[in-house]
Amino acid sequence: KKVLDKAAELSPDIFLFVGDLVNFDS
């Protein structure tokens, strides 16, 4: 939750996520 809150606070122009959101299960 801290990671996601911090990322949102950074207010970038664009978010680019390069994979591995999960380990083994949605």
PDB file of all heavy atoms in Angstrom:
ATOM      1  N   LYS A   1       0.828  -1.199   0.000  1.00  0.00           N
ATOM      2  CA  LYS A   1       0.000   0.000   0.000  1.00  0.00           C
ATOM      3  C   LYS A   1       0.865   1.253   0.000  1.00  0.00           C
ATOM      4  O   LYS A   1       0.546   2.240  -0.672  1.00  0.00           O
ATOM      5  CB  LYS A   1      -0.934  -0.020   1.215  1.00  0.00           C
ATOM      6  CG  LYS A   1      -1.978  -1.133   1.138  1.00  0.00           C
ATOM      7  CD  LYS A   1      -2.850  -1.163   2.385  1.00  0.00           C
ATOM      8  CE  LYS A   1      -3.868  -2.306   2.300  1.00  0.00           C
ATOM      9  NZ  LYS A   1      -4.700  -2.394   3.521  1.00  0.00           N
ATOM     10  N   LYS A   2       1.985   1.220   0.731  1.00  0.00           N
ATOM     11  CA  LYS A   2       2.898   2.359   0.753  1.00  0.00           C
ATOM     12  C   LYS A   2       3.506   2.594  -0.625  1.00  0.00           C
ATOM     13  O   LYS A   2       3.627   3.737  -1.081  1.00  0.00           O
ATOM     14  CB  LYS A   2       4.007   2.116   1.780  1.00  0.00           C
ATOM     15  CG  LYS A   2       5.023   3.253   1.863  1.00  0.00           C
ATOM     16  CD  LYS A   2       6.073   2.997   2.931  1.00  0.00           C
ATOM     17  CE  LYS A   2       7.053   1.935   2.497  1.00  0.00           C
ATOM     18  NZ  LYS A   2       8.195   1.798   3.460  1.00  0.00           N
ATOM     19  N   VAL A   3       3.882   1.521  -1.291  1.00  0.00           N
ATOM     20  CA  VAL A   3       4.455   1.631  -2.636  1.00  0.00           C
ATOM     21  C   VAL A   3       3.464   2.283  -3.590  1.00  0.00           C
ATOM     22  O   VAL A   3       3.805   3.213  -4.334  1.00  0.00           O
ATOM     23  CB  VAL A   3       4.865   0.238  -3.172  1.00  0.00           C
ATOM     24  CG1 VAL A   3       5.173   0.297  -4.661  1.00  0.00           C
ATOM     25  CG2 VAL A   3       6.073  -0.284  -2.424  1.00  0.00           C
ATOM     26  N   LEU A   4       2.227   1.811  -3.573  1.00  0.00           N
ATOM     27  CA  LEU A   4       1.227   2.324  -4.501  1.00  0.00           C
ATOM     28  C   LEU A   4       0.850   3.765  -4.182  1.00  0.00           C
ATOM     29  O   LEU A   4       0.656   4.584  -5.096  1.00  0.00           O
ATOM     30  CB  LEU A   4      -0.005   1.423  -4.482  1.00  0.00           C
ATOM     31  CG  LEU A   4       0.250  -0.040  -4.915  1.00  0.00           C
ATOM     32  CD1 LEU A   4      -1.026  -0.865  -4.758  1.00  0.00           C
ATOM     33  CD2 LEU A   4       0.763  -0.108  -6.339  1.00  0.00           C
ATOM     34  N   ASP A   5       0.767   4.088  -2.906  1.00  0.00           N
ATOM     35  CA  ASP A   5       0.472   5.476  -2.512  1.00  0.00           C
ATOM     36  C   ASP A   5       1.595   6.402  -2.947  1.00  0.00           C
ATOM     37  O   ASP A   5       1.352   7.515  -3.441  1.00  0.00           O
ATOM     38  CB  ASP A   5       0.270   5.572  -1.004  1.00  0.00           C
ATOM     39  CG  ASP A   5      -1.060   4.998  -0.546  1.00  0.00           C
ATOM     40  OD1 ASP A   5      -1.953   4.795  -1.411  1.00  0.00           O
ATOM     41  OD2 ASP A   5      -1.208   4.722   0.659  1.00  0.00           O
ATOM     42  N   LYS A   6       2.843   5.960  -2.751  1.00  0.00           N
ATOM     43  CA  LYS A   6       3.991   6.789  -3.114  1.00  0.00           C
ATOM     44  C   LYS A   6       4.045   7.007  -4.620  1.00  0.00           C
ATOM     45  O   LYS A   6       4.295   8.129  -5.089  1.00  0.00           O
ATOM     46  CB  LYS A   6       5.285   6.128  -2.644  1.00  0.00           C
ATOM     47  CG  LYS A   6       6.543   6.957  -2.941  1.00  0.00           C
ATOM     48  CD  LYS A   6       6.485   8.311  -2.242  1.00  0.00           C
ATOM     49  CE  LYS A   6       7.718   9.133  -2.519  1.00  0.00           C
ATOM     50  NZ  LYS A   6       7.653  10.469  -1.867  1.00  0.00           N
ATOM     51  N   ALA A   7       3.798   5.949  -5.387  1.00  0.00           N
ATOM     52  CA  ALA A   7       3.820   6.074  -6.844  1.00  0.00           C
ATOM     53  C   ALA A   7       2.757   7.073  -7.312  1.00  0.00           C
ATOM     54  O   ALA A   7       3.011   7.897  -8.203  1.00  0.00           O
ATOM     55  CB  ALA A   7       3.594   4.714  -7.490  1.00  0.00           C
ATOM     56  N   ALA A   8       1.582   7.000  -6.712  1.00  0.00           N
ATOM     57  CA  ALA A   8       0.515   7.927  -7.087  1.00  0.00           C
ATOM     58  C   ALA A   8       0.883   9.365  -6.740  1.00  0.00           C
ATOM     59  O   ALA A   8       0.596  10.299  -7.491  1.00  0.00           O
ATOM     60  CB  ALA A   8      -0.790   7.521  -6.399  1.00  0.00           C
ATOM     61  N   GLU A   9       1.554   9.555  -5.594  1.00  0.00           N
ATOM     62  CA  GLU A   9       1.953  10.898  -5.146  1.00  0.00           C
ATOM     63  C   GLU A   9       2.975  11.543  -6.075  1.00  0.00           C
ATOM     64  O   GLU A   9       3.064  12.773  -6.152  1.00  0.00           O
ATOM     65  CB  GLU A   9       2.546  10.828  -3.735  1.00  0.00           C
ATOM     66  CG  GLU A   9       1.549  10.554  -2.634  1.00  0.00           C
ATOM     67  CD  GLU A   9       2.232  10.317  -1.296  1.00  0.00           C
ATOM     68  OE1 GLU A   9       3.474  10.522  -1.231  1.00  0.00           O
ATOM     69  OE2 GLU A   9       1.549   9.922  -0.344  1.00  0.00           O
ATOM     70  N   LEU A  10       3.741  10.732  -6.789  1.00  0.00           N
ATOM     71  CA  LEU A  10       4.788  11.261  -7.664  1.00  0.00           C
ATOM     72  C   LEU A  10       4.207  11.987  -8.876  1.00  0.00           C
ATOM     73  O   LEU A  10       4.905  12.756  -9.533  1.00  0.00           O
ATOM     74  CB  LEU A  10       5.708  10.130  -8.123  1.00  0.00           C
ATOM     75  CG  LEU A  10       6.574   9.508  -7.015  1.00  0.00           C
ATOM     76  CD1 LEU A  10       7.275   8.247  -7.518  1.00  0.00           C
ATOM     77  CD2 LEU A  10       7.603  10.517  -6.499  1.00  0.00           C
ATOM     78  N   SER A  11       2.955  11.719  -9.200  1.00  0.00           N
ATOM     79  CA  SER A  11       2.219  12.416 -10.260  1.00  0.00           C
ATOM     80  C   SER A  11       3.005  12.522 -11.572  1.00  0.00           C
ATOM     81  O   SER A  11       3.248  13.630 -12.076  1.00  0.00           O
ATOM     82  CB  SER A  11       1.836  13.825  -9.788  1.00  0.00           C
ATOM     83  OG  SER A  11       1.033  13.763  -8.639  1.00  0.00           O
ATOM     84  N   PRO A  12       3.395  11.386 -12.152  1.00  0.00           N
ATOM     85  CA  PRO A  12       4.106  11.436 -13.436  1.00  0.00           C
ATOM     86  C   PRO A  12       3.147  11.746 -14.577  1.00  0.00           C
ATOM     87  O   PRO A  12       1.920  11.743 -14.401  1.00  0.00           O
ATOM     88  CB  PRO A  12       4.673  10.024 -13.563  1.00  0.00           C
ATOM     89  CG  PRO A  12       3.659   9.175 -12.868  1.00  0.00           C
ATOM     90  CD  PRO A  12       3.169  10.006 -11.697  1.00  0.00           C
ATOM     91  N   ASP A  13       3.711  11.975 -15.752  1.00  0.00           N
ATOM     92  CA  ASP A  13       2.880  12.189 -16.932  1.00  0.00           C
ATOM     93  C   ASP A  13       2.346  10.872 -17.484  1.00  0.00           C
ATOM     94  O   ASP A  13       1.305  10.840 -18.140  1.00  0.00           O
ATOM     95  CB  ASP A  13       3.698  12.903 -18.024  1.00  0.00           C
ATOM     96  CG  ASP A  13       4.149  14.287 -17.586  1.00  0.00           C
ATOM     97  OD1 ASP A  13       3.302  15.057 -17.116  1.00  0.00           O
ATOM     98  OD2 ASP A  13       5.361  14.580 -17.696  1.00  0.00           O
ATOM     99  N   ILE A  14       3.085   9.786 -17.224  1.00  0.00           N
ATOM    100  CA  ILE A  14       2.704   8.481 -17.743  1.00  0.00           C
ATOM    101  C   ILE A  14       3.287   7.395 -16.845  1.00  0.00           C
ATOM    102  O   ILE A  14       4.397   7.552 -16.314  1.00  0.00           O
ATOM    103  CB  ILE A  14       3.190   8.312 -19.203  1.00  0.00           C
ATOM    104  CG1 ILE A  14       2.629   7.040 -19.836  1.00  0.00           C
ATOM    105  CG2 ILE A  14       4.706   8.364 -19.297  1.00  0.00           C
ATOM    106  CD1 ILE A  14       2.888   6.945 -21.343  1.00  0.00           C
ATOM    107  N   PHE A  15       2.533   6.318 -16.625  1.00  0.00           N
ATOM    108  CA  PHE A  15       3.015   5.146 -15.893  1.00  0.00           C
ATOM    109  C   PHE A  15       3.330   4.042 -16.903  1.00  0.00           C
ATOM    110  O   PHE A  15       2.511   3.742 -17.784  1.00  0.00           O
ATOM    111  CB  PHE A  15       1.950   4.618 -14.923  1.00  0.00           C
ATOM    112  CG  PHE A  15       1.902   5.315 -13.601  1.00  0.00           C
ATOM    113  CD1 PHE A  15       0.898   6.226 -13.319  1.00  0.00           C
ATOM    114  CD2 PHE A  15       2.856   5.056 -12.621  1.00  0.00           C
ATOM    115  CE1 PHE A  15       0.835   6.862 -12.097  1.00  0.00           C
ATOM    116  CE2 PHE A  15       2.811   5.701 -11.393  1.00  0.00           C
ATOM    117  CZ  PHE A  15       1.798   6.609 -11.127  1.00  0.00           C
ATOM    118  N   LEU A  16       4.504   3.430 -16.748  1.00  0.00           N
ATOM    119  CA  LEU A  16       4.887   2.306 -17.591  1.00  0.00           C
ATOM    120  C   LEU A  16       5.303   1.154 -16.683  1.00  0.00           C
ATOM    121  O   LEU A  16       6.305   1.257 -15.962  1.00  0.00           O
ATOM    122  CB  LEU A  16       6.029   2.701 -18.539  1.00  0.00           C
ATOM    123  CG  LEU A  16       5.711   3.852 -19.507  1.00  0.00           C
ATOM    124  CD1 LEU A  16       6.932   4.186 -20.361  1.00  0.00           C
ATOM    125  CD2 LEU A  16       4.520   3.515 -20.397  1.00  0.00           C
ATOM    126  N   PHE A  17       4.516   0.072 -16.714  1.00  0.00           N
ATOM    127  CA  PHE A  17       4.764  -1.079 -15.841  1.00  0.00           C
ATOM    128  C   PHE A  17       5.351  -2.208 -16.670  1.00  0.00           C
ATOM    129  O   PHE A  17       4.755  -2.646 -17.665  1.00  0.00           O
ATOM    130  CB  PHE A  17       3.463  -1.531 -15.170  1.00  0.00           C
ATOM    131  CG  PHE A  17       3.664  -2.584 -14.119  1.00  0.00           C
ATOM    132  CD1 PHE A  17       4.072  -2.243 -12.851  1.00  0.00           C
ATOM    133  CD2 PHE A  17       3.473  -3.919 -14.419  1.00  0.00           C
ATOM    134  CE1 PHE A  17       4.287  -3.214 -11.872  1.00  0.00           C
ATOM    135  CE2 PHE A  17       3.680  -4.895 -13.459  1.00  0.00           C
ATOM    136  CZ  PHE A  17       4.087  -4.543 -12.177  1.00  0.00           C
ATOM    137  N   VAL A  18       6.538  -2.713 -16.254  1.00  0.00           N
ATOM    138  CA  VAL A  18       7.284  -3.653 -17.097  1.00  0.00           C
ATOM    139  C   VAL A  18       7.131  -5.115 -16.668  1.00  0.00           C
ATOM    140  O   VAL A  18       7.986  -5.948 -16.959  1.00  0.00           O
ATOM    141  CB  VAL A  18       8.779  -3.260 -17.169  1.00  0.00           C
ATOM    142  CG1 VAL A  18       8.952  -1.959 -17.919  1.00  0.00           C
ATOM    143  CG2 VAL A  18       9.404  -3.176 -15.779  1.00  0.00           C
ATOM    144  N   GLY A  19       6.034  -5.454 -16.007  1.00  0.00           N
ATOM    145  CA  GLY A  19       5.700  -6.851 -15.810  1.00  0.00           C
ATOM    146  C   GLY A  19       5.961  -7.427 -14.447  1.00  0.00           C
ATOM    147  O   GLY A  19       6.591  -6.822 -13.586  1.00  0.00           O
ATOM    148  N   ASP A  20       5.440  -8.657 -14.239  1.00  0.00           N
ATOM    149  CA  ASP A  20       5.481  -9.394 -12.980  1.00  0.00           C
ATOM    150  C   ASP A  20       4.684  -8.680 -11.889  1.00  0.00           C
ATOM    151  O   ASP A  20       5.198  -8.339 -10.822  1.00  0.00           O
ATOM    152  CB  ASP A  20       6.920  -9.655 -12.521  1.00  0.00           C
ATOM    153  CG  ASP A  20       7.549 -10.853 -13.224  1.00  0.00           C
ATOM    154  OD1 ASP A  20       6.878 -11.452 -14.088  1.00  0.00           O
ATOM    155  OD2 ASP A  20       8.704 -11.190 -12.925  1.00  0.00           O
ATOM    156  N   LEU A  21       3.411  -8.484 -12.167  1.00  0.00           N
ATOM    157  CA  LEU A  21       2.513  -7.925 -11.156  1.00  0.00           C
ATOM    158  C   LEU A  21       2.286  -8.933 -10.047  1.00  0.00           C
ATOM    159  O   LEU A  21       2.226  -8.577  -8.868  1.00  0.00           O
ATOM    160  CB  LEU A  21       1.183  -7.541 -11.807  1.00  0.00           C
ATOM    161  CG  LEU A  21       0.120  -6.961 -10.879  1.00  0.00           C
ATOM    162  CD1 LEU A  21       0.584  -5.636 -10.294  1.00  0.00           C
ATOM    163  CD2 LEU A  21      -1.213  -6.781 -11.625  1.00  0.00           C
ATOM    164  N   VAL A  22       2.136 -10.213 -10.408  1.00  0.00           N
ATOM    165  CA  VAL A  22       1.878 -11.273  -9.434  1.00  0.00           C
ATOM    166  C   VAL A  22       2.950 -12.349  -9.559  1.00  0.00           C
ATOM    167  O   VAL A  22       3.830 -12.276 -10.414  1.00  0.00           O
ATOM    168  CB  VAL A  22       0.481 -11.886  -9.642  1.00  0.00           C
ATOM    169  CG1 VAL A  22      -0.600 -10.831  -9.446  1.00  0.00           C
ATOM    170  CG2 VAL A  22       0.358 -12.523 -11.020  1.00  0.00           C
ATOM    171  N   ASN A  23       2.824 -13.360  -8.716  1.00  0.00           N
ATOM    172  CA  ASN A  23       3.743 -14.502  -8.766  1.00  0.00           C
ATOM    173  C   ASN A  23       3.163 -15.674  -9.544  1.00  0.00           C
ATOM    174  O   ASN A  23       3.716 -16.110 -10.542  1.00  0.00           O
ATOM    175  CB  ASN A  23       4.096 -14.972  -7.351  1.00  0.00           C
ATOM    176  CG  ASN A  23       5.160 -14.119  -6.709  1.00  0.00           C
ATOM    177  OD1 ASN A  23       5.844 -13.348  -7.365  1.00  0.00           O
ATOM    178  ND2 ASN A  23       5.286 -14.246  -5.393  1.00  0.00           N
ATOM    179  N   PHE A  24       2.016 -16.193  -9.049  1.00  0.00           N
ATOM    180  CA  PHE A  24       1.494 -17.447  -9.593  1.00  0.00           C
ATOM    181  C   PHE A  24      -0.016 -17.480  -9.784  1.00  0.00           C
ATOM    182  O   PHE A  24      -0.539 -18.432 -10.348  1.00  0.00           O
ATOM    183  CB  PHE A  24       1.876 -18.618  -8.664  1.00  0.00           C
ATOM    184  CG  PHE A  24       3.321 -18.633  -8.263  1.00  0.00           C
ATOM    185  CD1 PHE A  24       3.710 -18.293  -6.981  1.00  0.00           C
ATOM    186  CD2 PHE A  24       4.300 -18.983  -9.182  1.00  0.00           C
ATOM    187  CE1 PHE A  24       5.038 -18.308  -6.605  1.00  0.00           C
ATOM    188  CE2 PHE A  24       5.635 -18.999  -8.821  1.00  0.00           C
ATOM    189  CZ  PHE A  24       6.011 -18.661  -7.529  1.00  0.00           C
ATOM    190  N   ASP A  25      -0.733 -16.451  -9.298  1.00  0.00           N
ATOM    191  CA  ASP A  25      -2.189 -16.535  -9.258  1.00  0.00           C
ATOM    192  C   ASP A  25      -2.774 -15.125  -9.349  1.00  0.00           C
ATOM    193  O   ASP A  25      -2.291 -14.203  -8.669  1.00  0.00           O
ATOM    194  CB  ASP A  25      -2.614 -17.193  -7.939  1.00  0.00           C
ATOM    195  CG  ASP A  25      -4.072 -17.601  -7.906  1.00  0.00           C
ATOM    196  OD1 ASP A  25      -4.923 -16.780  -8.279  1.00  0.00           O
ATOM    197  OD2 ASP A  25      -4.359 -18.743  -7.491  1.00  0.00           O
ATOM    198  N   SER A  26      -3.805 -14.955 -10.164  1.00  0.00           N
ATOM    199  CA  SER A  26      -4.411 -13.634 -10.322  1.00  0.00           C
ATOM    200  C   SER A  26      -5.007 -13.107  -9.023  1.00  0.00           C
ATOM    201  O   SER A  26      -5.095 -11.894  -8.810  1.00  0.00           O
ATOM    202  CB  SER A  26      -5.492 -13.684 -11.409  1.00  0.00           C
ATOM    203  OG  SER A  26      -6.595 -14.473 -10.978  1.00  0.00           O
TER     204      SER A  26
END
